[in-house]
Amino acid sequence: MNDRGKQLRHSAFVMRLVGWTLSAGLIALLLIYPPGFLWGDNPEALPRLGPAHPPSPYHGLHPYLFMLGALYLAYGILMIRGARDPKANAALFDFGILSSVLHALVMIPQAFYYPNEHAHLWADIPALAVIAVVLWIWHPNRTIGGADDVVSA
């Protein structure tokens, strides 16, 4: 296998890894994330990581939990599908990088301003930075190769 094919295979692997991590990670998000089903309904069951999230009229479930879950599930599915041809789906890398950076930039001042959002400084924000860096490193347009390189699933 030549270097182009190997690097595109790495890009495809990263797409699958990010896609499955986001898709499977939703289970953890929905169960243990502070406003999630398990922690949101029974906050005493898990360690306290800072001030409680603002109260919700839905027994600890916040509407943004479902919004974030839907967005990340959609992105995860598209990354898995896009791994068949990373060069043709390079915009998914661009979206992942840009959305992660912008999401973190929005969360940074909020984490300092709102006392109940401090945990984002050591959890969500670093995770978003790692995702952006990984996608940047393995972006298919940063690999050596032409536009006609295709990786089979």
N, C-alpha and C. Protein backbone atom coordinates (compact mmCIF):
# COMPACT_ATOMS: atom_id res chain seq x y z
N MET A 1 0.86 -1.18 0.00
CA MET A 1 0.00 0.00 0.00
C MET A 1 0.90 1.23 0.00
N ASN A 2 0.55 2.20 -0.84
CA ASN A 2 1.35 3.42 -0.90
C ASN A 2 1.00 4.37 0.24
N ASP A 3 1.80 5.44 0.39
CA ASP A 3 1.58 6.40 1.48
C ASP A 3 0.22 7.08 1.39
N ARG A 4 -0.22 7.38 0.15
CA ARG A 4 -1.54 8.03 0.01
C ARG A 4 -2.64 7.16 0.56
N GLY A 5 -2.65 5.91 0.16
CA GLY A 5 -3.68 4.99 0.62
C GLY A 5 -3.63 4.78 2.12
N LYS A 6 -2.43 4.69 2.67
CA LYS A 6 -2.28 4.50 4.11
C LYS A 6 -2.80 5.71 4.87
N GLN A 7 -2.47 6.90 4.41
CA GLN A 7 -2.93 8.11 5.10
C GLN A 7 -4.44 8.28 4.99
N LEU A 8 -5.00 7.93 3.85
CA LEU A 8 -6.46 8.01 3.71
C LEU A 8 -7.14 6.95 4.57
N ARG A 9 -6.52 5.81 4.72
CA ARG A 9 -7.07 4.79 5.62
C ARG A 9 -7.06 5.29 7.06
N HIS A 10 -6.01 6.03 7.43
CA HIS A 10 -5.98 6.63 8.76
C HIS A 10 -7.11 7.65 8.91
N SER A 11 -7.35 8.45 7.88
CA SER A 11 -8.45 9.42 7.91
C SER A 11 -9.78 8.69 8.06
N ALA A 12 -9.94 7.59 7.32
CA ALA A 12 -11.18 6.81 7.41
C ALA A 12 -11.34 6.22 8.81
N PHE A 13 -10.22 5.73 9.38
CA PHE A 13 -10.28 5.19 10.75
C PHE A 13 -10.71 6.27 11.74
N VAL A 14 -10.15 7.47 11.61
CA VAL A 14 -10.51 8.56 12.51
C VAL A 14 -11.99 8.90 12.35
N MET A 15 -12.49 8.89 11.11
CA MET A 15 -13.91 9.17 10.90
C MET A 15 -14.77 8.13 11.61
N ARG A 16 -14.40 6.86 11.48
CA ARG A 16 -15.17 5.81 12.17
C ARG A 16 -15.05 5.93 13.68
N LEU A 17 -13.84 6.20 14.15
CA LEU A 17 -13.62 6.34 15.59
C LEU A 17 -14.44 7.48 16.17
N VAL A 18 -14.38 8.63 15.54
CA VAL A 18 -15.16 9.78 16.02
C VAL A 18 -16.66 9.48 15.90
N GLY A 19 -17.06 8.90 14.79
CA GLY A 19 -18.48 8.59 14.58
C GLY A 19 -19.03 7.63 15.62
N TRP A 20 -18.33 6.52 15.85
CA TRP A 20 -18.81 5.55 16.83
C TRP A 20 -18.69 6.09 18.25
N THR A 21 -17.65 6.88 18.52
CA THR A 21 -17.51 7.47 19.85
C THR A 21 -18.67 8.41 20.13
N LEU A 22 -19.02 9.23 19.17
CA LEU A 22 -20.15 10.15 19.36
C LEU A 22 -21.46 9.38 19.51
N SER A 23 -21.65 8.39 18.67
CA SER A 23 -22.90 7.63 18.73
C SER A 23 -23.02 6.84 20.03
N ALA A 24 -21.97 6.10 20.40
CA ALA A 24 -22.01 5.32 21.63
C ALA A 24 -21.91 6.23 22.86
N GLY A 25 -21.20 7.34 22.71
CA GLY A 25 -21.05 8.27 23.81
C GLY A 25 -22.36 8.90 24.24
N LEU A 26 -23.34 8.86 23.38
CA LEU A 26 -24.64 9.42 23.75
C LEU A 26 -25.29 8.65 24.89
N ILE A 27 -24.99 7.38 24.97
CA ILE A 27 -25.53 6.58 26.08
C ILE A 27 -25.00 7.15 27.39
N ALA A 28 -23.70 7.40 27.44
CA ALA A 28 -23.11 7.98 28.65
C ALA A 28 -23.66 9.38 28.89
N LEU A 29 -23.78 10.16 27.84
CA LEU A 29 -24.30 11.52 27.96
C LEU A 29 -25.71 11.50 28.56
N LEU A 30 -26.55 10.62 28.05
CA LEU A 30 -27.93 10.58 28.52
C LEU A 30 -28.07 10.00 29.92
N LEU A 31 -27.09 9.20 30.34
CA LEU A 31 -27.18 8.59 31.67
C LEU A 31 -26.44 9.36 32.75
N ILE A 32 -25.17 9.69 32.50
CA ILE A 32 -24.37 10.23 33.60
C ILE A 32 -24.04 11.70 33.51
N TYR A 33 -24.26 12.34 32.37
CA TYR A 33 -24.01 13.78 32.31
C TYR A 33 -24.90 14.46 33.34
N PRO A 34 -24.40 15.48 34.06
CA PRO A 34 -25.17 16.01 35.20
C PRO A 34 -26.66 16.24 34.98
N PRO A 35 -27.13 16.79 33.88
CA PRO A 35 -28.59 16.90 33.77
C PRO A 35 -29.23 15.67 33.12
N GLY A 36 -28.49 14.58 32.97
CA GLY A 36 -29.01 13.39 32.29
C GLY A 36 -30.00 12.59 33.12
N PHE A 37 -30.41 11.47 32.58
CA PHE A 37 -31.46 10.67 33.20
C PHE A 37 -31.07 10.17 34.58
N LEU A 38 -29.91 9.54 34.70
CA LEU A 38 -29.50 8.97 35.98
C LEU A 38 -29.11 10.06 36.97
N TRP A 39 -28.17 10.92 36.56
CA TRP A 39 -27.68 11.95 37.45
C TRP A 39 -28.71 13.05 37.66
N GLY A 40 -29.44 13.38 36.61
CA GLY A 40 -30.44 14.44 36.73
C GLY A 40 -31.58 14.08 37.66
N ASP A 41 -31.98 12.82 37.65
CA ASP A 41 -33.07 12.38 38.52
C ASP A 41 -32.60 12.04 39.93
N ASN A 42 -31.32 11.72 40.09
CA ASN A 42 -30.81 11.33 41.39
C ASN A 42 -29.40 11.91 41.58
N PRO A 43 -29.27 13.22 41.75
CA PRO A 43 -27.94 13.84 41.81
C PRO A 43 -27.09 13.37 42.98
N GLU A 44 -27.68 12.82 44.02
CA GLU A 44 -26.91 12.34 45.16
C GLU A 44 -26.18 11.04 44.84
N ALA A 45 -26.59 10.35 43.78
CA ALA A 45 -26.02 9.04 43.46
C ALA A 45 -24.60 9.14 42.92
N LEU A 46 -24.23 10.25 42.36
CA LEU A 46 -22.91 10.41 41.75
C LEU A 46 -22.18 11.57 42.39
N PRO A 47 -20.86 11.62 42.25
CA PRO A 47 -20.10 12.69 42.90
C PRO A 47 -20.51 14.08 42.44
N ARG A 48 -20.38 15.01 43.32
CA ARG A 48 -20.70 16.40 43.00
C ARG A 48 -19.48 17.04 42.34
N LEU A 49 -19.65 17.58 41.15
CA LEU A 49 -18.54 18.15 40.40
C LEU A 49 -18.58 19.67 40.39
N GLY A 50 -19.37 20.23 41.21
CA GLY A 50 -19.50 21.68 41.24
C GLY A 50 -20.93 22.03 41.55
N PRO A 51 -21.26 23.31 41.47
CA PRO A 51 -22.65 23.71 41.72
C PRO A 51 -23.61 22.99 40.78
N ALA A 52 -24.80 22.75 41.25
CA ALA A 52 -25.80 22.04 40.45
C ALA A 52 -26.22 22.88 39.25
N HIS A 53 -26.62 22.19 38.20
CA HIS A 53 -27.18 22.88 37.05
C HIS A 53 -28.47 23.56 37.47
N PRO A 54 -28.88 24.60 36.74
CA PRO A 54 -30.15 25.26 37.09
C PRO A 54 -31.29 24.25 37.06
N PRO A 55 -32.29 24.44 37.90
CA PRO A 55 -33.40 23.47 37.94
C PRO A 55 -34.16 23.43 36.63
N SER A 56 -34.70 22.27 36.35
CA SER A 56 -35.51 22.07 35.16
C SER A 56 -36.90 21.61 35.60
N PRO A 57 -37.93 22.02 34.88
CA PRO A 57 -39.27 21.56 35.25
C PRO A 57 -39.51 20.10 34.91
N TYR A 58 -38.52 19.43 34.31
CA TYR A 58 -38.70 18.05 33.87
C TYR A 58 -37.84 17.09 34.69
N HIS A 59 -37.88 17.19 36.01
CA HIS A 59 -37.19 16.26 36.91
C HIS A 59 -35.72 16.12 36.57
N GLY A 60 -35.06 17.22 36.35
CA GLY A 60 -33.62 17.21 36.11
C GLY A 60 -33.22 17.10 34.66
N LEU A 61 -34.15 16.81 33.78
CA LEU A 61 -33.79 16.70 32.36
C LEU A 61 -33.88 18.07 31.70
N HIS A 62 -32.79 18.50 31.12
CA HIS A 62 -32.76 19.79 30.47
C HIS A 62 -32.99 19.62 28.97
N PRO A 63 -33.73 20.54 28.37
CA PRO A 63 -33.99 20.44 26.93
C PRO A 63 -32.72 20.40 26.09
N TYR A 64 -31.66 21.09 26.51
CA TYR A 64 -30.45 21.11 25.69
C TYR A 64 -29.77 19.75 25.64
N LEU A 65 -30.05 18.88 26.61
CA LEU A 65 -29.50 17.53 26.58
C LEU A 65 -29.95 16.80 25.32
N PHE A 66 -31.21 16.93 24.99
CA PHE A 66 -31.75 16.27 23.79
C PHE A 66 -31.24 16.93 22.51
N MET A 67 -31.09 18.25 22.54
CA MET A 67 -30.58 18.98 21.37
C MET A 67 -29.14 18.55 21.09
N LEU A 68 -28.29 18.54 22.11
CA LEU A 68 -26.90 18.13 21.92
C LEU A 68 -26.82 16.68 21.48
N GLY A 69 -27.62 15.83 22.09
CA GLY A 69 -27.64 14.42 21.71
C GLY A 69 -28.00 14.23 20.25
N ALA A 70 -29.01 14.93 19.78
CA ALA A 70 -29.44 14.80 18.38
C ALA A 70 -28.35 15.29 17.42
N LEU A 71 -27.73 16.42 17.74
CA LEU A 71 -26.68 16.95 16.87
C LEU A 71 -25.48 16.01 16.79
N TYR A 72 -25.02 15.53 17.95
CA TYR A 72 -23.85 14.66 17.95
C TYR A 72 -24.15 13.30 17.34
N LEU A 73 -25.36 12.80 17.50
CA LEU A 73 -25.73 11.54 16.86
C LEU A 73 -25.73 11.71 15.34
N ALA A 74 -26.29 12.80 14.85
CA ALA A 74 -26.28 13.05 13.40
C ALA A 74 -24.85 13.15 12.87
N TYR A 75 -24.00 13.87 13.57
CA TYR A 75 -22.61 14.01 13.14
C TYR A 75 -21.89 12.66 13.19
N GLY A 76 -22.14 11.88 14.23
CA GLY A 76 -21.53 10.56 14.33
C GLY A 76 -21.92 9.65 13.18
N ILE A 77 -23.19 9.63 12.84
CA ILE A 77 -23.67 8.80 11.73
C ILE A 77 -23.03 9.24 10.41
N LEU A 78 -22.97 10.55 10.18
CA LEU A 78 -22.36 11.05 8.95
C LEU A 78 -20.86 10.73 8.88
N MET A 79 -20.17 10.77 10.02
CA MET A 79 -18.75 10.42 10.02
C MET A 79 -18.57 8.94 9.68
N ILE A 80 -19.40 8.08 10.23
CA ILE A 80 -19.30 6.65 9.92
C ILE A 80 -19.55 6.41 8.44
N ARG A 81 -20.60 7.03 7.91
CA ARG A 81 -20.90 6.87 6.47
C ARG A 81 -19.81 7.49 5.60
N GLY A 82 -19.29 8.63 6.02
CA GLY A 82 -18.28 9.33 5.24
C GLY A 82 -16.94 8.64 5.20
N ALA A 83 -16.70 7.68 6.10
CA ALA A 83 -15.42 6.97 6.15
C ALA A 83 -15.18 6.13 4.91
N ARG A 84 -16.20 5.87 4.13
CA ARG A 84 -16.02 5.11 2.89
C ARG A 84 -15.18 5.88 1.88
N ASP A 85 -15.26 7.21 1.94
CA ASP A 85 -14.50 8.04 1.02
C ASP A 85 -14.14 9.35 1.72
N PRO A 86 -13.07 9.33 2.51
CA PRO A 86 -12.73 10.51 3.30
C PRO A 86 -12.49 11.77 2.47
N LYS A 87 -11.86 11.63 1.29
CA LYS A 87 -11.59 12.83 0.47
C LYS A 87 -12.89 13.51 0.05
N ALA A 88 -13.89 12.72 -0.34
CA ALA A 88 -15.16 13.28 -0.79
C ALA A 88 -15.97 13.85 0.38
N ASN A 89 -15.64 13.44 1.59
CA ASN A 89 -16.38 13.89 2.77
C ASN A 89 -15.53 14.73 3.70
N ALA A 90 -14.54 15.40 3.13
CA ALA A 90 -13.62 16.22 3.93
C ALA A 90 -14.35 17.34 4.66
N ALA A 91 -15.48 17.78 4.13
CA ALA A 91 -16.24 18.85 4.80
C ALA A 91 -16.72 18.41 6.19
N LEU A 92 -16.86 17.11 6.42
CA LEU A 92 -17.23 16.64 7.75
C LEU A 92 -16.10 16.91 8.75
N PHE A 93 -14.85 16.80 8.28
CA PHE A 93 -13.71 17.17 9.12
C PHE A 93 -13.75 18.67 9.39
N ASP A 94 -13.99 19.45 8.34
CA ASP A 94 -14.05 20.91 8.49
C ASP A 94 -15.13 21.30 9.50
N PHE A 95 -16.30 20.68 9.40
CA PHE A 95 -17.38 20.97 10.33
C PHE A 95 -16.98 20.60 11.75
N GLY A 96 -16.38 19.43 11.92
CA GLY A 96 -15.97 18.98 13.24
C GLY A 96 -14.96 19.92 13.88
N ILE A 97 -14.00 20.38 13.09
CA ILE A 97 -12.98 21.30 13.61
C ILE A 97 -13.62 22.63 13.98
N LEU A 98 -14.34 23.21 13.04
CA LEU A 98 -14.92 24.53 13.26
C LEU A 98 -15.96 24.52 14.38
N SER A 99 -16.84 23.54 14.38
CA SER A 99 -17.88 23.50 15.41
C SER A 99 -17.28 23.25 16.80
N SER A 100 -16.24 22.43 16.88
CA SER A 100 -15.60 22.17 18.17
C SER A 100 -14.92 23.42 18.70
N VAL A 101 -14.20 24.13 17.83
CA VAL A 101 -13.52 25.36 18.26
C VAL A 101 -14.54 26.43 18.67
N LEU A 102 -15.57 26.62 17.87
CA LEU A 102 -16.58 27.63 18.20
C LEU A 102 -17.36 27.27 19.46
N HIS A 103 -17.68 26.00 19.60
CA HIS A 103 -18.40 25.53 20.80
C HIS A 103 -17.55 25.82 22.04
N ALA A 104 -16.25 25.49 21.98
CA ALA A 104 -15.36 25.75 23.12
C ALA A 104 -15.24 27.24 23.39
N LEU A 105 -15.14 28.05 22.34
CA LEU A 105 -15.02 29.50 22.53
C LEU A 105 -16.26 30.10 23.18
N VAL A 106 -17.41 29.53 22.91
CA VAL A 106 -18.64 29.99 23.56
C VAL A 106 -18.66 29.55 25.03
N MET A 107 -18.18 28.34 25.28
CA MET A 107 -18.24 27.78 26.63
C MET A 107 -17.22 28.40 27.58
N ILE A 108 -16.09 28.87 27.08
CA ILE A 108 -15.05 29.41 27.96
C ILE A 108 -15.56 30.58 28.80
N PRO A 109 -16.09 31.65 28.18
CA PRO A 109 -16.57 32.74 29.04
C PRO A 109 -17.76 32.32 29.92
N GLN A 110 -18.61 31.42 29.40
CA GLN A 110 -19.73 30.95 30.21
C GLN A 110 -19.24 30.19 31.44
N ALA A 111 -18.17 29.42 31.28
CA ALA A 111 -17.63 28.66 32.41
C ALA A 111 -17.10 29.58 33.51
N PHE A 112 -16.61 30.75 33.13
CA PHE A 112 -16.13 31.70 34.14
C PHE A 112 -17.26 32.53 34.72
N TYR A 113 -18.26 32.83 33.90
CA TYR A 113 -19.34 33.72 34.32
C TYR A 113 -20.38 33.01 35.18
N TYR A 114 -20.78 31.81 34.77
CA TYR A 114 -21.82 31.08 35.49
C TYR A 114 -21.18 30.07 36.44
N PRO A 115 -21.43 30.18 37.73
CA PRO A 115 -20.78 29.27 38.69
C PRO A 115 -21.12 27.80 38.46
N ASN A 116 -22.29 27.52 37.91
CA ASN A 116 -22.68 26.12 37.69
C ASN A 116 -22.08 25.54 36.41
N GLU A 117 -21.24 26.29 35.71
CA GLU A 117 -20.65 25.81 34.46
C GLU A 117 -19.13 25.64 34.55
N HIS A 118 -18.54 25.76 35.75
CA HIS A 118 -17.08 25.66 35.90
C HIS A 118 -16.52 24.31 35.44
N ALA A 119 -17.27 23.24 35.60
CA ALA A 119 -16.78 21.91 35.22
C ALA A 119 -16.46 21.82 33.73
N HIS A 120 -17.03 22.70 32.93
CA HIS A 120 -16.73 22.68 31.49
C HIS A 120 -15.27 22.99 31.22
N LEU A 121 -14.61 23.71 32.12
CA LEU A 121 -13.20 24.06 31.92
C LEU A 121 -12.31 22.83 31.94
N TRP A 122 -12.65 21.80 32.66
CA TRP A 122 -11.80 20.62 32.72
C TRP A 122 -12.42 19.40 32.05
N ALA A 123 -13.62 19.54 31.51
CA ALA A 123 -14.27 18.39 30.88
C ALA A 123 -14.56 18.67 29.40
N ASP A 124 -15.60 19.41 29.12
CA ASP A 124 -16.07 19.61 27.75
C ASP A 124 -15.07 20.38 26.89
N ILE A 125 -14.53 21.45 27.43
CA ILE A 125 -13.65 22.31 26.62
C ILE A 125 -12.38 21.57 26.20
N PRO A 126 -11.68 20.88 27.11
CA PRO A 126 -10.52 20.09 26.65
C PRO A 126 -10.91 18.98 25.67
N ALA A 127 -12.06 18.36 25.88
CA ALA A 127 -12.51 17.31 24.95
C ALA A 127 -12.75 17.88 23.56
N LEU A 128 -13.34 19.05 23.48
CA LEU A 128 -13.56 19.70 22.19
C LEU A 128 -12.23 20.05 21.52
N ALA A 129 -11.26 20.48 22.32
CA ALA A 129 -9.94 20.79 21.77
C ALA A 129 -9.27 19.53 21.21
N VAL A 130 -9.38 18.42 21.93
CA VAL A 130 -8.79 17.17 21.45
C VAL A 130 -9.45 16.74 20.14
N ILE A 131 -10.76 16.83 20.07
CA ILE A 131 -11.48 16.46 18.84
C ILE A 131 -11.00 17.33 17.68
N ALA A 132 -10.91 18.63 17.89
CA ALA A 132 -10.48 19.54 16.82
C ALA A 132 -9.06 19.20 16.36
N VAL A 133 -8.16 18.92 17.29
CA VAL A 133 -6.77 18.60 16.94
C VAL A 133 -6.69 17.29 16.18
N VAL A 134 -7.39 16.26 16.65
CA VAL A 134 -7.37 14.96 15.97
C VAL A 134 -7.91 15.10 14.55
N LEU A 135 -9.01 15.81 14.40
CA LEU A 135 -9.58 16.00 13.06
C LEU A 135 -8.64 16.82 12.17
N TRP A 136 -7.95 17.78 12.75
CA TRP A 136 -6.99 18.59 11.98
C TRP A 136 -5.83 17.73 11.50
N ILE A 137 -5.29 16.92 12.40
CA ILE A 137 -4.13 16.09 12.04
C ILE A 137 -4.49 15.08 10.96
N TRP A 138 -5.66 14.46 11.07
CA TRP A 138 -6.02 13.39 10.13
C TRP A 138 -6.97 13.85 9.03
N HIS A 139 -7.08 15.15 8.82
CA HIS A 139 -7.93 15.69 7.74
C HIS A 139 -7.45 15.11 6.42
N PRO A 140 -8.36 14.57 5.60
CA PRO A 140 -7.94 13.93 4.34
C PRO A 140 -7.26 14.88 3.37
N ASN A 141 -7.54 16.15 3.44
CA ASN A 141 -6.88 17.09 2.53
C ASN A 141 -5.48 17.45 3.00
N ARG A 142 -5.10 17.03 4.21
CA ARG A 142 -3.74 17.24 4.70
C ARG A 142 -2.87 16.03 4.37
N THR A 143 -3.48 14.96 3.90
CA THR A 143 -2.70 13.77 3.53
C THR A 143 -2.13 13.97 2.15
N ILE A 144 -1.13 13.17 1.84
CA ILE A 144 -0.54 13.21 0.51
C ILE A 144 -1.47 12.45 -0.42
N GLY A 145 -1.82 13.03 -1.54
CA GLY A 145 -2.66 12.29 -2.46
C GLY A 145 -3.54 13.18 -3.31
N GLY A 146 -4.08 12.57 -4.31
CA GLY A 146 -4.94 13.30 -5.24
C GLY A 146 -6.39 13.19 -4.83
N ALA A 147 -7.23 13.91 -5.56
CA ALA A 147 -8.66 13.96 -5.26
C ALA A 147 -9.36 12.67 -5.61
N ASP A 148 -8.72 11.79 -6.40
CA ASP A 148 -9.40 10.58 -6.84
C ASP A 148 -9.12 9.38 -5.92
N ASP A 149 -8.43 9.59 -4.80
CA ASP A 149 -8.18 8.49 -3.87
C ASP A 149 -9.47 8.13 -3.15
N VAL A 150 -9.80 6.85 -3.10
CA VAL A 150 -11.01 6.39 -2.43
C VAL A 150 -10.61 5.22 -1.52
N VAL A 151 -11.18 5.19 -0.35
CA VAL A 151 -10.94 4.10 0.59
C VAL A 151 -12.21 3.29 0.69
N SER A 152 -12.10 1.99 0.47
CA SER A 152 -13.30 1.16 0.56
C SER A 152 -13.61 0.87 2.02
N ALA A 153 -14.90 0.65 2.27
CA ALA A 153 -15.35 0.41 3.65
C ALA A 153 -14.96 -0.94 4.15
